[in-house]
Amino acid sequence: MSNPVYLALDLPQLDAAKALCEQVKGHIGGVKLGLEFFCAHGHHGVHEIAHCGLPIFLDLKLHDIPNTVAGAMQSIHVLEPAIVTIHASGGRAMMEDAKAAAGEDCKVVAVTMLTSLDERDLERTGVGGTPHDHVMRLADLAQDAGLDGIVCSGQEIASVHDRWKDGFFVVPGLRPGGKATADQKRVVTPRRARDDGASVLVIGRPISRADDPLAAAKQIEETL
């Protein structure tokens, strides 16, 4: 992959999302469309963004019983996504069925721990151990289930990459300055994540909310 940056294009207005994609498409490698975008614009919105000519990453974080998740995966075949996310916490059977139902050229990756969570949040939900421990457990489960890879923060990517050499790893919550902002708690810089083994770098607000999105995208690209 020549440019690992996928722009998180979760804008409420479809026209604005299309315009931003066209503006920066020469300096990103793909587009991530999340739950907010999909709920607002559905299949039509995905088809419209696909006109930009970039790979589409559907970050839907599917999490339900195995049969339901498999059905959801089949329903998005027509969108031809390059990547789709599911939740590793859905269990091995759910992950196996999701992968079996995915399109031939679609990578299925499991979300381990959201970058908006930290150790205290884990404790409150009854999960013991550190974020690192939790991510590694779920990464092992995803690998055993036959998935292509996982989603994790840049703080765990080096350890996961050491254990899963041929995995496909998506890292969100990236900040060019490396400092936590807004609802993101466990962040690193795009350069560090890439050096540690990230396959895809998901970057949203540092580009989409920049005064000059094109300049911001170019600047991030230059650091890689």
C-alpha atoms as a PDB file:
ATOM      1  CA  MET A   1       0.000   0.000   0.000  1.00  0.00           C
ATOM      2  CA  SER A   2       1.665   3.204  -1.170  1.00  0.00           C
ATOM      3  CA  ASN A   3      -0.295   5.493   1.161  1.00  0.00           C
ATOM      4  CA  PRO A   4      -1.692   3.873   4.331  1.00  0.00           C
ATOM      5  CA  VAL A   5      -3.806   6.871   5.363  1.00  0.00           C
ATOM      6  CA  TYR A   6      -7.573   6.328   5.307  1.00  0.00           C
ATOM      7  CA  LEU A   7      -9.541   9.498   5.873  1.00  0.00           C
ATOM      8  CA  ALA A   8     -12.377   9.134   8.378  1.00  0.00           C
ATOM      9  CA  LEU A   9     -15.104  10.841   6.387  1.00  0.00           C
ATOM     10  CA  ASP A  10     -17.892  10.970   8.958  1.00  0.00           C
ATOM     11  CA  LEU A  11     -19.486  14.238   7.936  1.00  0.00           C
ATOM     12  CA  PRO A  12     -23.251  14.781   8.329  1.00  0.00           C
ATOM     13  CA  GLN A  13     -23.699  16.328   4.874  1.00  0.00           C
ATOM     14  CA  LEU A  14     -23.048  14.055   1.896  1.00  0.00           C
ATOM     15  CA  ASP A  15     -22.104  16.890  -0.443  1.00  0.00           C
ATOM     16  CA  ALA A  16     -19.510  18.148   2.033  1.00  0.00           C
ATOM     17  CA  ALA A  17     -18.107  14.631   2.439  1.00  0.00           C
ATOM     18  CA  LYS A  18     -17.800  14.205  -1.329  1.00  0.00           C
ATOM     19  CA  ALA A  19     -16.132  17.593  -1.701  1.00  0.00           C
ATOM     20  CA  LEU A  20     -13.594  16.832   1.020  1.00  0.00           C
ATOM     21  CA  CYS A  21     -12.805  13.460  -0.531  1.00  0.00           C
ATOM     22  CA  GLU A  22     -12.208  15.032  -3.923  1.00  0.00           C
ATOM     23  CA  GLN A  23     -10.059  17.747  -2.345  1.00  0.00           C
ATOM     24  CA  VAL A  24      -7.600  15.425  -0.590  1.00  0.00           C
ATOM     25  CA  LYS A  25      -7.815  12.177  -2.566  1.00  0.00           C
ATOM     26  CA  GLY A  26      -4.365  12.636  -4.067  1.00  0.00           C
ATOM     27  CA  HIS A  27      -2.800  12.474  -0.605  1.00  0.00           C
ATOM     28  CA  ILE A  28      -4.706   9.636   1.078  1.00  0.00           C
ATOM     29  CA  GLY A  29      -4.924   5.920   0.362  1.00  0.00           C
ATOM     30  CA  GLY A  30      -8.590   5.316   1.086  1.00  0.00           C
ATOM     31  CA  VAL A  31     -11.743   6.471   2.836  1.00  0.00           C
ATOM     32  CA  LYS A  32     -13.211   5.206   6.105  1.00  0.00           C
ATOM     33  CA  LEU A  33     -16.978   5.463   6.404  1.00  0.00           C
ATOM     34  CA  GLY A  34     -18.216   4.869   9.922  1.00  0.00           C
ATOM     35  CA  LEU A  35     -21.493   4.229  11.650  1.00  0.00           C
ATOM     36  CA  GLU A  36     -22.515   7.896  11.668  1.00  0.00           C
ATOM     37  CA  PHE A  37     -22.051   8.185   7.905  1.00  0.00           C
ATOM     38  CA  PHE A  38     -23.716   4.845   7.145  1.00  0.00           C
ATOM     39  CA  CYS A  39     -26.769   5.580   9.294  1.00  0.00           C
ATOM     40  CA  ALA A  40     -27.171   8.990   7.675  1.00  0.00           C
ATOM     41  CA  HIS A  41     -26.532   8.080   4.045  1.00  0.00           C
ATOM     42  CA  GLY A  42     -26.746   4.290   3.708  1.00  0.00           C
ATOM     43  CA  HIS A  43     -25.808   2.405   0.544  1.00  0.00           C
ATOM     44  CA  HIS A  44     -26.425   5.490  -1.585  1.00  0.00           C
ATOM     45  CA  GLY A  45     -23.835   7.486   0.348  1.00  0.00           C
ATOM     46  CA  VAL A  46     -21.239   4.751   0.022  1.00  0.00           C
ATOM     47  CA  HIS A  47     -21.798   4.565  -3.746  1.00  0.00           C
ATOM     48  CA  GLU A  48     -21.418   8.349  -3.996  1.00  0.00           C
ATOM     49  CA  ILE A  49     -18.112   8.368  -2.108  1.00  0.00           C
ATOM     50  CA  ALA A  50     -16.882   5.441  -4.211  1.00  0.00           C
ATOM     51  CA  HIS A  51     -16.925   7.783  -7.206  1.00  0.00           C
ATOM     52  CA  CYS A  52     -13.759   9.352  -5.756  1.00  0.00           C
ATOM     53  CA  GLY A  53     -11.997   6.194  -6.901  1.00  0.00           C
ATOM     54  CA  LEU A  54     -10.486   5.205  -3.552  1.00  0.00           C
ATOM     55  CA  PRO A  55     -10.853   1.972  -1.549  1.00  0.00           C
ATOM     56  CA  ILE A  56     -13.748   2.056   0.912  1.00  0.00           C
ATOM     57  CA  PHE A  57     -13.364   0.974   4.529  1.00  0.00           C
ATOM     58  CA  LEU A  58     -16.755   0.355   6.152  1.00  0.00           C
ATOM     59  CA  ASP A  59     -16.163   0.818   9.862  1.00  0.00           C
ATOM     60  CA  LEU A  60     -19.502  -0.600  11.022  1.00  0.00           C
ATOM     61  CA  LYS A  61     -18.166  -2.488  14.071  1.00  0.00           C
ATOM     62  CA  LEU A  62     -20.731  -5.259  13.677  1.00  0.00           C
ATOM     63  CA  HIS A  63     -21.552  -7.003  16.955  1.00  0.00           C
ATOM     64  CA  ASP A  64     -24.483  -9.415  17.291  1.00  0.00           C
ATOM     65  CA  ILE A  65     -25.229 -13.127  17.186  1.00  0.00           C
ATOM     66  CA  PRO A  66     -23.260 -14.987  14.467  1.00  0.00           C
ATOM     67  CA  ASN A  67     -26.194 -15.427  12.085  1.00  0.00           C
ATOM     68  CA  THR A  68     -27.146 -11.749  12.216  1.00  0.00           C
ATOM     69  CA  VAL A  69     -23.605 -10.554  11.608  1.00  0.00           C
ATOM     70  CA  ALA A  70     -23.194 -12.979   8.711  1.00  0.00           C
ATOM     71  CA  GLY A  71     -26.401 -11.644   7.177  1.00  0.00           C
ATOM     72  CA  ALA A  72     -25.202  -8.077   7.566  1.00  0.00           C
ATOM     73  CA  MET A  73     -21.920  -8.943   5.866  1.00  0.00           C
ATOM     74  CA  GLN A  74     -23.788 -10.476   2.940  1.00  0.00           C
ATOM     75  CA  SER A  75     -26.004  -7.399   2.617  1.00  0.00           C
ATOM     76  CA  ILE A  76     -22.996  -5.137   1.984  1.00  0.00           C
ATOM     77  CA  HIS A  77     -21.367  -7.284  -0.729  1.00  0.00           C
ATOM     78  CA  VAL A  78     -22.824  -4.931  -3.343  1.00  0.00           C
ATOM     79  CA  LEU A  79     -20.817  -2.048  -1.855  1.00  0.00           C
ATOM     80  CA  GLU A  80     -17.528  -3.893  -2.496  1.00  0.00           C
ATOM     81  CA  PRO A  81     -15.765  -2.651   0.644  1.00  0.00           C
ATOM     82  CA  ALA A  82     -12.032  -3.207   0.939  1.00  0.00           C
ATOM     83  CA  ILE A  83     -12.238  -3.486   4.738  1.00  0.00           C
ATOM     84  CA  VAL A  84     -15.063  -4.108   7.220  1.00  0.00           C
ATOM     85  CA  THR A  85     -14.873  -4.057  11.013  1.00  0.00           C
ATOM     86  CA  ILE A  86     -16.576  -6.314  13.522  1.00  0.00           C
ATOM     87  CA  HIS A  87     -16.146  -6.465  17.316  1.00  0.00           C
ATOM     88  CA  ALA A  88     -13.763  -9.121  18.619  1.00  0.00           C
ATOM     89  CA  SER A  89     -15.801  -9.253  21.824  1.00  0.00           C
ATOM     90  CA  GLY A  90     -18.589 -10.882  19.801  1.00  0.00           C
ATOM     91  CA  GLY A  91     -16.678 -14.130  20.158  1.00  0.00           C
ATOM     92  CA  ARG A  92     -14.980 -16.658  17.928  1.00  0.00           C
ATOM     93  CA  ALA A  93     -18.121 -18.073  16.300  1.00  0.00           C
ATOM     94  CA  MET A  94     -19.328 -14.620  15.317  1.00  0.00           C
ATOM     95  CA  MET A  95     -15.946 -13.744  13.841  1.00  0.00           C
ATOM     96  CA  GLU A  96     -15.728 -17.010  11.917  1.00  0.00           C
ATOM     97  CA  ASP A  97     -19.194 -16.514  10.421  1.00  0.00           C
ATOM     98  CA  ALA A  98     -18.439 -12.889   9.542  1.00  0.00           C
ATOM     99  CA  LYS A  99     -15.309 -13.868   7.660  1.00  0.00           C
ATOM    100  CA  ALA A 100     -17.089 -16.712   5.861  1.00  0.00           C
ATOM    101  CA  ALA A 101     -19.845 -14.337   4.735  1.00  0.00           C
ATOM    102  CA  ALA A 102     -17.550 -11.527   3.588  1.00  0.00           C
ATOM    103  CA  GLY A 103     -16.764 -10.746  -0.025  1.00  0.00           C
ATOM    104  CA  GLU A 104     -13.758 -12.470  -1.563  1.00  0.00           C
ATOM    105  CA  ASP A 105     -11.659  -9.305  -1.697  1.00  0.00           C
ATOM    106  CA  CYS A 106     -12.838  -7.851   1.622  1.00  0.00           C
ATOM    107  CA  LYS A 107     -10.585  -7.835   4.668  1.00  0.00           C
ATOM    108  CA  VAL A 108     -12.452  -8.451   7.916  1.00  0.00           C
ATOM    109  CA  VAL A 109     -10.758  -6.948  10.961  1.00  0.00           C
ATOM    110  CA  ALA A 110     -11.815  -7.125  14.594  1.00  0.00           C
ATOM    111  CA  VAL A 111     -12.015  -4.124  16.889  1.00  0.00           C
ATOM    112  CA  THR A 112     -10.211  -4.997  20.118  1.00  0.00           C
ATOM    113  CA  MET A 113     -10.466  -1.947  22.388  1.00  0.00           C
ATOM    114  CA  LEU A 114     -11.717   1.484  21.388  1.00  0.00           C
ATOM    115  CA  THR A 115      -9.124   4.245  21.588  1.00  0.00           C
ATOM    116  CA  SER A 116     -11.600   6.284  23.631  1.00  0.00           C
ATOM    117  CA  LEU A 117     -11.225   3.769  26.494  1.00  0.00           C
ATOM    118  CA  ASP A 118      -8.506   3.348  29.102  1.00  0.00           C
ATOM    119  CA  GLU A 119      -7.801   0.960  31.995  1.00  0.00           C
ATOM    120  CA  ARG A 120     -10.350   2.607  34.269  1.00  0.00           C
ATOM    121  CA  ASP A 121     -13.035   2.138  31.632  1.00  0.00           C
ATOM    122  CA  LEU A 122     -12.147  -1.557  31.403  1.00  0.00           C
ATOM    123  CA  GLU A 123     -12.511  -1.945  35.154  1.00  0.00           C
ATOM    124  CA  ARG A 124     -15.951  -0.347  35.059  1.00  0.00           C
ATOM    125  CA  THR A 125     -17.115  -2.895  32.498  1.00  0.00           C
ATOM    126  CA  GLY A 126     -15.742  -5.824  34.496  1.00  0.00           C
ATOM    127  CA  VAL A 127     -12.669  -6.507  32.371  1.00  0.00           C
ATOM    128  CA  GLY A 128      -9.502  -7.204  34.313  1.00  0.00           C
ATOM    129  CA  GLY A 129      -5.938  -6.416  33.364  1.00  0.00           C
ATOM    130  CA  THR A 130      -4.376  -3.625  31.376  1.00  0.00           C
ATOM    131  CA  PRO A 131      -5.482  -2.380  27.950  1.00  0.00           C
ATOM    132  CA  HIS A 132      -2.430  -4.154  26.537  1.00  0.00           C
ATOM    133  CA  ASP A 133      -3.503  -7.471  28.086  1.00  0.00           C
ATOM    134  CA  HIS A 134      -7.057  -7.057  26.798  1.00  0.00           C
ATOM    135  CA  VAL A 135      -5.947  -6.213  23.244  1.00  0.00           C
ATOM    136  CA  MET A 136      -3.543  -9.147  23.106  1.00  0.00           C
ATOM    137  CA  ARG A 137      -6.218 -11.616  24.265  1.00  0.00           C
ATOM    138  CA  LEU A 138      -8.648 -10.431  21.622  1.00  0.00           C
ATOM    139  CA  ALA A 139      -5.954 -10.326  18.935  1.00  0.00           C
ATOM    140  CA  ASP A 140      -5.168 -13.983  19.607  1.00  0.00           C
ATOM    141  CA  LEU A 141      -8.870 -14.832  19.407  1.00  0.00           C
ATOM    142  CA  ALA A 142      -9.264 -12.960  16.108  1.00  0.00           C
ATOM    143  CA  GLN A 143      -6.267 -14.746  14.631  1.00  0.00           C
ATOM    144  CA  ASP A 144      -7.618 -18.135  15.746  1.00  0.00           C
ATOM    145  CA  ALA A 145     -10.964 -17.247  14.135  1.00  0.00           C
ATOM    146  CA  GLY A 146      -9.267 -16.735  10.774  1.00  0.00           C
ATOM    147  CA  LEU A 147      -9.726 -12.993  10.452  1.00  0.00           C
ATOM    148  CA  ASP A 148      -7.385 -10.835   8.408  1.00  0.00           C
ATOM    149  CA  GLY A 149      -6.370  -8.628  11.316  1.00  0.00           C
ATOM    150  CA  ILE A 150      -7.502  -6.315  14.072  1.00  0.00           C
ATOM    151  CA  VAL A 151      -8.070  -2.706  15.019  1.00  0.00           C
ATOM    152  CA  CYS A 152      -6.025  -1.498  17.980  1.00  0.00           C
ATOM    153  CA  SER A 153      -4.383   1.671  19.248  1.00  0.00           C
ATOM    154  CA  GLY A 154      -0.860   2.625  18.307  1.00  0.00           C
ATOM    155  CA  GLN A 155       0.204   1.804  21.842  1.00  0.00           C
ATOM    156  CA  GLU A 156      -0.346  -1.921  21.261  1.00  0.00           C
ATOM    157  CA  ILE A 157       0.516  -2.278  17.587  1.00  0.00           C
ATOM    158  CA  ALA A 158       4.182  -3.233  18.062  1.00  0.00           C
ATOM    159  CA  SER A 159       3.339  -6.110  20.404  1.00  0.00           C
ATOM    160  CA  VAL A 160       0.529  -7.366  18.176  1.00  0.00           C
ATOM    161  CA  HIS A 161       2.747  -7.196  15.094  1.00  0.00           C
ATOM    162  CA  ASP A 162       5.463  -9.206  16.852  1.00  0.00           C
ATOM    163  CA  ARG A 163       2.972 -11.978  17.582  1.00  0.00           C
ATOM    164  CA  TRP A 164       1.005 -11.877  14.293  1.00  0.00           C
ATOM    165  CA  LYS A 165       3.589 -11.221  11.592  1.00  0.00           C
ATOM    166  CA  ASP A 166       1.279 -11.401   8.567  1.00  0.00           C
ATOM    167  CA  GLY A 167      -1.716  -9.683  10.156  1.00  0.00           C
ATOM    168  CA  PHE A 168      -3.488  -6.645   8.736  1.00  0.00           C
ATOM    169  CA  PHE A 169      -3.577  -3.927  11.372  1.00  0.00           C
ATOM    170  CA  VAL A 170      -5.753  -0.821  11.465  1.00  0.00           C
ATOM    171  CA  VAL A 171      -4.770   1.946  13.867  1.00  0.00           C
ATOM    172  CA  PRO A 172      -7.228   4.782  14.652  1.00  0.00           C
ATOM    173  CA  GLY A 173      -6.943   7.615  17.169  1.00  0.00           C
ATOM    174  CA  LEU A 174      -3.846   9.062  15.544  1.00  0.00           C
ATOM    175  CA  ARG A 175      -2.710  12.599  16.187  1.00  0.00           C
ATOM    176  CA  PRO A 176       0.193  14.266  14.328  1.00  0.00           C
ATOM    177  CA  GLY A 177       1.312  15.855  17.604  1.00  0.00           C
ATOM    178  CA  GLY A 178       0.947  12.599  19.505  1.00  0.00           C
ATOM    179  CA  LYS A 179      -1.240  14.159  22.208  1.00  0.00           C
ATOM    180  CA  ALA A 180      -4.644  12.921  23.342  1.00  0.00           C
ATOM    181  CA  THR A 181      -7.478  15.231  22.361  1.00  0.00           C
ATOM    182  CA  ALA A 182     -11.274  15.260  22.608  1.00  0.00           C
ATOM    183  CA  ASP A 183     -12.572  11.705  23.188  1.00  0.00           C
ATOM    184  CA  GLN A 184      -9.330   9.955  22.220  1.00  0.00           C
ATOM    185  CA  LYS A 185      -7.209   8.739  25.146  1.00  0.00           C
ATOM    186  CA  ARG A 186      -4.658   6.265  23.770  1.00  0.00           C
ATOM    187  CA  VAL A 187      -3.009   7.990  20.815  1.00  0.00           C
ATOM    188  CA  VAL A 188       0.325   8.038  18.983  1.00  0.00           C
ATOM    189  CA  THR A 189       1.642   9.808  15.893  1.00  0.00           C
ATOM    190  CA  PRO A 190       0.983   8.381  12.406  1.00  0.00           C
ATOM    191  CA  ARG A 191       4.716   7.885  11.869  1.00  0.00           C
ATOM    192  CA  ARG A 192       5.154   5.848  15.037  1.00  0.00           C
ATOM    193  CA  ALA A 193       2.143   3.653  14.262  1.00  0.00           C
ATOM    194  CA  ARG A 194       3.449   2.976  10.764  1.00  0.00           C
ATOM    195  CA  ASP A 195       6.937   2.158  12.028  1.00  0.00           C
ATOM    196  CA  ASP A 196       5.476  -0.245  14.591  1.00  0.00           C
ATOM    197  CA  GLY A 197       3.606  -2.255  11.966  1.00  0.00           C
ATOM    198  CA  ALA A 198       0.305  -0.550  11.155  1.00  0.00           C
ATOM    199  CA  SER A 199      -1.174  -1.454   7.762  1.00  0.00           C
ATOM    200  CA  VAL A 200      -3.805   1.306   7.752  1.00  0.00           C
ATOM    201  CA  LEU A 201      -3.722   4.645   9.542  1.00  0.00           C
ATOM    202  CA  VAL A 202      -7.183   6.073  10.212  1.00  0.00           C
ATOM    203  CA  ILE A 203      -7.075   9.858  10.464  1.00  0.00           C
ATOM    204  CA  GLY A 204     -10.140  12.042  10.733  1.00  0.00           C
ATOM    205  CA  ARG A 205     -10.311  15.351  12.549  1.00  0.00           C
ATOM    206  CA  PRO A 206      -6.649  16.361  11.997  1.00  0.00           C
ATOM    207  CA  ILE A 207      -7.579  16.535   8.295  1.00  0.00           C
ATOM    208  CA  SER A 208     -11.349  17.025   8.128  1.00  0.00           C
ATOM    209  CA  ARG A 209     -11.423  19.814  10.704  1.00  0.00           C
ATOM    210  CA  ALA A 210      -8.197  21.506   9.673  1.00  0.00           C
ATOM    211  CA  ASP A 211      -8.370  25.074   8.383  1.00  0.00           C
ATOM    212  CA  ASP A 212      -6.770  23.740   5.200  1.00  0.00           C
ATOM    213  CA  PRO A 213      -7.572  20.002   4.839  1.00  0.00           C
ATOM    214  CA  LEU A 214      -5.426  19.633   1.727  1.00  0.00           C
ATOM    215  CA  ALA A 215      -2.366  21.106   3.440  1.00  0.00           C
ATOM    216  CA  ALA A 216      -2.989  18.932   6.487  1.00  0.00           C
ATOM    217  CA  ALA A 217      -3.239  15.775   4.375  1.00  0.00           C
ATOM    218  CA  LYS A 218      -0.049  16.666   2.513  1.00  0.00           C
ATOM    219  CA  GLN A 219       1.808  17.335   5.748  1.00  0.00           C
ATOM    220  CA  ILE A 220       0.797  13.980   7.240  1.00  0.00           C
ATOM    221  CA  GLU A 221       1.715  12.173   4.026  1.00  0.00           C
ATOM    222  CA  GLU A 222       5.166  13.761   4.106  1.00  0.00           C
ATOM    223  CA  THR A 223       5.855  12.337   7.566  1.00  0.00           C
ATOM    224  CA  LEU A 224       5.335   8.802   6.291  1.00  0.00           C
END
